[in-house]
N, C-alpha and C. Protein backbone atom coordinates (compact mmCIF):
# COMPACT_ATOMS: atom_id res chain seq x y z
N MET A 1 -0.72 -8.11 -11.84
CA MET A 1 -2.04 -7.85 -11.96
C MET A 1 -2.17 -6.74 -12.83
N THR A 2 -3.13 -6.99 -13.80
CA THR A 2 -3.22 -6.12 -15.09
C THR A 2 -4.84 -5.49 -14.85
N GLN A 3 -5.40 -5.43 -13.76
CA GLN A 3 -6.85 -5.15 -13.39
C GLN A 3 -6.62 -3.42 -13.80
N PRO A 4 -7.97 -3.16 -14.51
CA PRO A 4 -8.21 -1.81 -15.41
C PRO A 4 -7.71 -0.54 -14.19
N PHE A 5 -7.65 -0.82 -12.97
CA PHE A 5 -7.37 -0.06 -12.02
C PHE A 5 -5.95 0.85 -11.94
N TYR A 6 -5.03 -0.41 -12.35
CA TYR A 6 -3.70 0.01 -12.51
C TYR A 6 -3.21 0.83 -13.52
N ARG A 7 -4.14 0.90 -14.73
CA ARG A 7 -3.87 1.60 -15.96
C ARG A 7 -4.66 3.19 -15.94
N SER A 8 -5.49 3.21 -14.86
CA SER A 8 -6.09 4.57 -14.73
C SER A 8 -5.17 5.51 -14.47
N LYS A 9 -5.62 6.70 -14.66
CA LYS A 9 -4.76 8.12 -14.76
C LYS A 9 -4.87 8.48 -13.07
N GLN A 10 -6.26 8.03 -12.44
CA GLN A 10 -6.19 8.37 -11.02
C GLN A 10 -5.29 7.59 -10.30
N TRP A 11 -5.00 6.35 -10.67
CA TRP A 11 -4.30 5.43 -9.82
C TRP A 11 -2.57 6.00 -10.61
N LYS A 12 -2.50 6.37 -11.64
CA LYS A 12 -0.86 6.81 -11.96
C LYS A 12 -0.62 7.98 -11.25
N ARG A 13 -1.36 8.98 -11.14
CA ARG A 13 -1.45 10.18 -10.21
C ARG A 13 -0.97 10.04 -8.76
N LYS A 14 -1.94 8.97 -8.30
CA LYS A 14 -1.59 8.68 -6.84
C LYS A 14 -0.52 7.92 -6.64
N ARG A 15 0.33 7.18 -7.37
CA ARG A 15 1.19 6.36 -7.48
C ARG A 15 2.39 7.21 -7.38
N ALA A 16 2.49 8.17 -8.35
CA ALA A 16 3.33 9.16 -8.46
C ALA A 16 3.61 10.07 -7.28
N LYS A 17 2.28 10.49 -6.64
CA LYS A 17 2.34 11.18 -5.36
C LYS A 17 2.96 10.35 -4.18
N ILE A 18 2.61 9.41 -4.00
CA ILE A 18 2.90 8.33 -3.00
C ILE A 18 4.63 8.33 -3.08
N LEU A 19 5.13 7.71 -4.34
CA LEU A 19 6.73 7.70 -4.39
C LEU A 19 7.26 8.92 -4.02
N ARG A 20 6.72 10.23 -4.61
CA ARG A 20 7.39 11.29 -3.78
C ARG A 20 7.48 11.49 -2.43
N ARG A 21 6.12 11.31 -2.08
CA ARG A 21 6.00 11.57 -0.33
C ARG A 21 7.16 10.82 0.30
N ASP A 22 7.32 9.40 -0.25
CA ASP A 22 8.33 8.48 0.39
C ASP A 22 9.48 8.64 -0.33
N GLU A 23 9.61 9.94 -1.06
CA GLU A 23 11.36 10.12 -1.32
C GLU A 23 11.83 9.10 -2.32
N TYR A 24 10.84 8.39 -2.87
CA TYR A 24 11.36 7.19 -3.77
C TYR A 24 12.41 6.16 -3.25
N MET A 25 12.05 5.83 -1.89
CA MET A 25 12.69 5.02 -1.06
C MET A 25 11.81 4.02 -0.46
N CYS A 26 12.12 2.74 -0.37
CA CYS A 26 11.34 1.47 0.10
C CYS A 26 11.13 1.87 1.76
N GLN A 27 10.24 2.02 1.89
CA GLN A 27 9.77 2.16 3.31
C GLN A 27 10.04 1.01 4.11
N GLN A 28 10.15 -0.14 3.75
CA GLN A 28 10.11 -1.36 4.64
C GLN A 28 11.87 -1.55 4.92
N SER A 29 12.55 -1.16 3.75
CA SER A 29 14.26 -1.00 3.82
C SER A 29 14.33 0.02 4.87
N LYS A 30 13.95 1.01 4.75
CA LYS A 30 14.33 2.15 5.64
C LYS A 30 13.86 1.99 7.22
N ARG A 31 13.20 1.02 7.16
CA ARG A 31 12.77 0.97 8.87
C ARG A 31 14.20 0.12 9.49
N TYR A 32 14.85 -0.32 8.70
CA TYR A 32 15.98 -1.19 9.27
C TYR A 32 17.30 -0.26 8.84
N GLY A 33 17.08 1.24 8.31
CA GLY A 33 18.29 1.73 8.15
C GLY A 33 18.94 1.61 6.76
N LYS A 34 18.35 0.97 5.91
CA LYS A 34 18.83 0.61 4.68
C LYS A 34 18.52 1.70 3.39
N THR A 35 18.82 2.06 2.65
CA THR A 35 18.46 3.05 1.41
C THR A 35 18.32 1.95 0.28
N GLU A 36 17.12 1.68 0.11
CA GLU A 36 16.75 1.01 -1.33
C GLU A 36 15.96 1.53 -2.12
N PRO A 37 15.77 2.06 -3.36
CA PRO A 37 14.98 2.55 -4.11
C PRO A 37 13.53 1.83 -4.24
N ALA A 38 12.29 2.62 -4.36
CA ALA A 38 11.28 2.03 -4.19
C ALA A 38 10.79 2.17 -5.87
N THR A 39 9.92 1.39 -6.41
CA THR A 39 9.75 0.76 -7.48
C THR A 39 8.11 0.63 -7.70
N THR A 40 7.59 0.29 -6.59
CA THR A 40 6.26 -0.29 -6.40
C THR A 40 5.41 0.55 -5.31
N VAL A 41 4.17 0.76 -5.69
CA VAL A 41 3.43 1.53 -4.36
C VAL A 41 2.34 0.30 -4.05
N HIS A 42 2.36 -0.27 -2.94
CA HIS A 42 1.59 -1.24 -2.09
C HIS A 42 0.65 -0.95 -1.50
N HIS A 43 -0.67 -1.58 -1.64
CA HIS A 43 -1.75 -1.30 -0.86
C HIS A 43 -1.63 -2.08 0.55
N CYS A 44 -1.69 -1.74 1.56
CA CYS A 44 -1.61 -2.38 2.93
C CYS A 44 -2.88 -3.25 3.04
N TYR A 45 -4.04 -2.40 2.94
CA TYR A 45 -5.46 -3.29 2.86
C TYR A 45 -5.54 -3.35 1.32
N GLN A 46 -5.54 -4.72 0.84
CA GLN A 46 -5.57 -5.02 -0.42
C GLN A 46 -6.61 -4.40 -1.39
N LEU A 47 -6.13 -4.26 -2.31
CA LEU A 47 -7.27 -3.89 -3.62
C LEU A 47 -8.33 -4.73 -3.94
N GLU A 48 -7.95 -6.15 -3.89
CA GLU A 48 -9.03 -7.15 -4.11
C GLU A 48 -10.33 -7.07 -3.18
N TYR A 49 -10.02 -6.69 -1.89
CA TYR A 49 -10.72 -7.06 -0.76
C TYR A 49 -11.29 -5.74 -0.41
N TYR A 50 -10.65 -4.61 -0.83
CA TYR A 50 -10.64 -2.98 -0.21
C TYR A 50 -10.74 -2.15 -1.19
N PRO A 51 -11.56 -2.11 -2.33
CA PRO A 51 -11.46 -1.22 -3.45
C PRO A 51 -11.90 0.22 -2.77
N GLU A 52 -12.42 0.17 -1.86
CA GLU A 52 -12.97 1.66 -1.31
C GLU A 52 -11.47 2.36 -0.63
N LEU A 53 -10.65 1.88 -0.74
CA LEU A 53 -9.29 2.08 -0.08
C LEU A 53 -8.22 2.38 -0.95
N ALA A 54 -8.49 2.15 -2.14
CA ALA A 54 -7.66 2.34 -3.28
C ALA A 54 -6.79 3.13 -3.35
N LEU A 55 -7.23 4.80 -2.81
CA LEU A 55 -6.57 5.84 -3.30
C LEU A 55 -6.21 6.56 -1.84
N GLU A 56 -6.25 5.99 -1.08
CA GLU A 56 -6.18 6.30 0.54
C GLU A 56 -4.68 6.75 0.67
N ASP A 57 -4.19 7.68 0.76
CA ASP A 57 -2.74 7.92 0.89
C ASP A 57 -2.08 7.11 2.30
N TRP A 58 -2.99 6.81 3.20
CA TRP A 58 -2.33 6.15 4.55
C TRP A 58 -2.28 4.54 4.17
N ASN A 59 -2.92 4.11 3.18
CA ASN A 59 -3.17 2.57 2.84
C ASN A 59 -1.93 2.48 1.80
N LEU A 60 -1.31 3.25 1.47
CA LEU A 60 -0.41 3.10 0.41
C LEU A 60 1.19 3.32 0.68
N ILE A 61 2.11 2.41 0.40
CA ILE A 61 3.44 2.69 1.08
C ILE A 61 4.48 2.65 -0.49
N SER A 62 5.44 3.00 -0.49
CA SER A 62 6.31 3.04 -1.39
C SER A 62 7.29 1.52 -1.16
N LEU A 63 7.50 0.50 -1.86
CA LEU A 63 8.39 -0.29 -1.89
C LEU A 63 9.49 -0.65 -3.12
N SER A 64 10.43 -1.34 -2.40
CA SER A 64 11.16 -2.17 -3.84
C SER A 64 10.32 -3.48 -4.34
N ASP A 65 10.78 -3.78 -5.39
CA ASP A 65 10.34 -5.07 -5.83
C ASP A 65 10.46 -6.38 -4.86
N LYS A 66 11.87 -6.28 -4.51
CA LYS A 66 12.08 -7.49 -3.44
C LYS A 66 11.31 -7.23 -2.45
N GLN A 67 10.97 -6.30 -1.70
CA GLN A 67 10.33 -5.72 -0.32
C GLN A 67 8.76 -6.04 -0.77
N HIS A 68 8.02 -5.62 -2.03
CA HIS A 68 6.91 -5.83 -2.70
C HIS A 68 6.75 -7.42 -2.50
N ASN A 69 7.53 -8.04 -3.18
CA ASN A 69 7.30 -9.59 -3.43
C ASN A 69 6.99 -10.37 -1.78
N ALA A 70 8.03 -9.62 -0.76
CA ALA A 70 7.88 -10.23 0.55
C ALA A 70 6.55 -9.95 1.08
N MET A 71 5.63 -9.34 0.59
CA MET A 71 4.42 -8.59 1.36
C MET A 71 3.38 -9.73 1.28
N HIS A 72 3.18 -10.57 -0.12
CA HIS A 72 2.32 -11.44 -0.82
C HIS A 72 2.84 -12.76 -1.19
N ASP A 73 2.11 -13.75 -0.64
CA ASP A 73 2.35 -15.02 -1.28
C ASP A 73 2.04 -15.06 -2.77
N ARG A 74 3.17 -15.00 -3.57
CA ARG A 74 2.88 -14.75 -5.05
C ARG A 74 2.18 -16.03 -5.82
N VAL A 75 1.67 -17.10 -4.92
CA VAL A 75 0.85 -18.37 -5.54
C VAL A 75 -0.46 -17.89 -5.01
N THR A 76 -0.67 -17.75 -3.81
CA THR A 76 -2.27 -17.42 -3.16
C THR A 76 -2.44 -16.12 -2.99
N HIS A 77 -1.15 -15.11 -3.37
CA HIS A 77 -1.80 -13.65 -3.19
C HIS A 77 -2.13 -13.19 -1.86
N GLU A 78 -2.19 -14.09 -1.11
CA GLU A 78 -2.47 -13.81 0.63
C GLU A 78 -1.38 -13.02 1.02
N LEU A 79 -1.66 -12.14 2.05
CA LEU A 79 -0.66 -11.44 2.81
C LEU A 79 0.48 -12.44 3.50
N THR A 80 1.37 -11.95 3.36
CA THR A 80 2.34 -12.99 4.39
C THR A 80 2.30 -12.34 5.79
N GLU A 81 3.10 -12.62 6.64
CA GLU A 81 3.34 -12.27 8.07
C GLU A 81 3.72 -10.62 8.20
N LEU A 82 4.65 -10.21 6.90
CA LEU A 82 5.15 -8.91 6.89
C LEU A 82 4.01 -8.12 6.38
N GLY A 83 3.46 -8.72 5.47
CA GLY A 83 2.16 -7.79 4.95
C GLY A 83 1.39 -7.56 6.02
N LEU A 84 0.72 -8.53 6.62
CA LEU A 84 -0.15 -8.40 7.96
C LEU A 84 0.42 -7.54 9.19
N GLU A 85 1.70 -7.25 9.19
CA GLU A 85 2.19 -6.44 9.99
C GLU A 85 2.12 -5.08 9.52
N TRP A 86 2.35 -4.84 8.12
CA TRP A 86 1.95 -3.35 7.65
C TRP A 86 0.72 -3.10 7.83
N GLN A 87 -0.08 -3.94 7.63
CA GLN A 87 -1.72 -3.72 7.96
C GLN A 87 -2.26 -3.10 9.29
N GLU A 88 -1.50 -3.67 10.06
CA GLU A 88 -1.73 -3.51 11.62
C GLU A 88 -1.46 -2.24 11.70
N ARG A 89 -0.10 -1.83 11.01
CA ARG A 89 0.33 -0.52 11.41
C ARG A 89 -0.28 0.55 10.81
N VAL A 90 -1.05 0.30 9.86
CA VAL A 90 -2.05 1.41 9.12
C VAL A 90 -3.45 1.12 10.04
N ARG A 91 -3.61 0.20 10.78
CA ARG A 91 -4.91 0.18 11.16
C ARG A 91 -5.52 1.16 12.05
N PRO A 92 -5.02 1.90 12.76
CA PRO A 92 -5.56 3.10 13.43
C PRO A 92 -6.29 4.31 12.60
N HIS A 93 -5.45 4.30 11.22
CA HIS A 93 -6.08 5.08 10.09
C HIS A 93 -7.24 4.77 9.58
N TYR A 94 -7.33 3.05 9.48
CA TYR A 94 -8.22 2.33 9.01
C TYR A 94 -9.73 2.69 9.74
N GLU A 95 -9.40 2.66 11.11
CA GLU A 95 -10.39 2.67 11.89
C GLU A 95 -10.98 4.10 12.25
N ARG A 96 -10.18 5.17 11.74
CA ARG A 96 -10.70 6.36 11.93
C ARG A 96 -11.33 6.74 10.46
N TRP A 97 -10.68 6.04 9.40
CA TRP A 97 -11.54 6.14 8.02
C TRP A 97 -12.92 5.53 8.41
N LYS A 98 -12.78 4.54 9.07
CA LYS A 98 -14.55 3.83 9.11
C LYS A 98 -15.38 4.44 9.80
N ALA A 99 -14.75 5.14 10.91
CA ALA A 99 -15.56 5.93 11.93
C ALA A 99 -16.37 7.17 11.17
N ILE A 100 -15.74 7.58 10.53
CA ILE A 100 -15.90 9.00 9.49
C ILE A 100 -16.94 8.54 8.55
N ARG A 101 -16.75 7.63 7.89
CA ARG A 101 -17.71 7.02 6.83
C ARG A 101 -19.07 6.71 7.57
N GLU A 102 -19.06 5.88 8.65
CA GLU A 102 -20.03 5.67 9.24
C GLU A 102 -20.94 6.93 9.61
N GLN A 103 -20.07 7.85 9.85
CA GLN A 103 -20.99 9.05 10.73
C GLN A 103 -21.62 9.61 9.45
N LYS A 104 -21.30 9.67 8.26
CA LYS A 104 -21.65 10.21 7.06
C LYS A 104 -22.95 9.37 6.56
N HIS A 105 -23.10 8.35 6.93
CA HIS A 105 -24.25 7.31 6.21
C HIS A 105 -25.27 7.27 7.51
């Protein structure tokens, strides 16, 4: 994906912050006691459908390329079962975010 967003200074700063937060380790591999370096920051709620969540820390996880590829069907770009599982894991954060946003409007 070569969306302008991914070339922005804002994204580059956020990506670096998330990789540091996750100690440059793949969070999916870590769940199973494996140590695999993270090279990608994944949006649990996809940027294409939820641009308003693009920079929310809770929506971002560090992954290896292998694990990131397991999150998406690379032909349709739809989330796989694993990608949907991560979306469910962060859903409480999304619900809180949504409630706060609704209060402000």
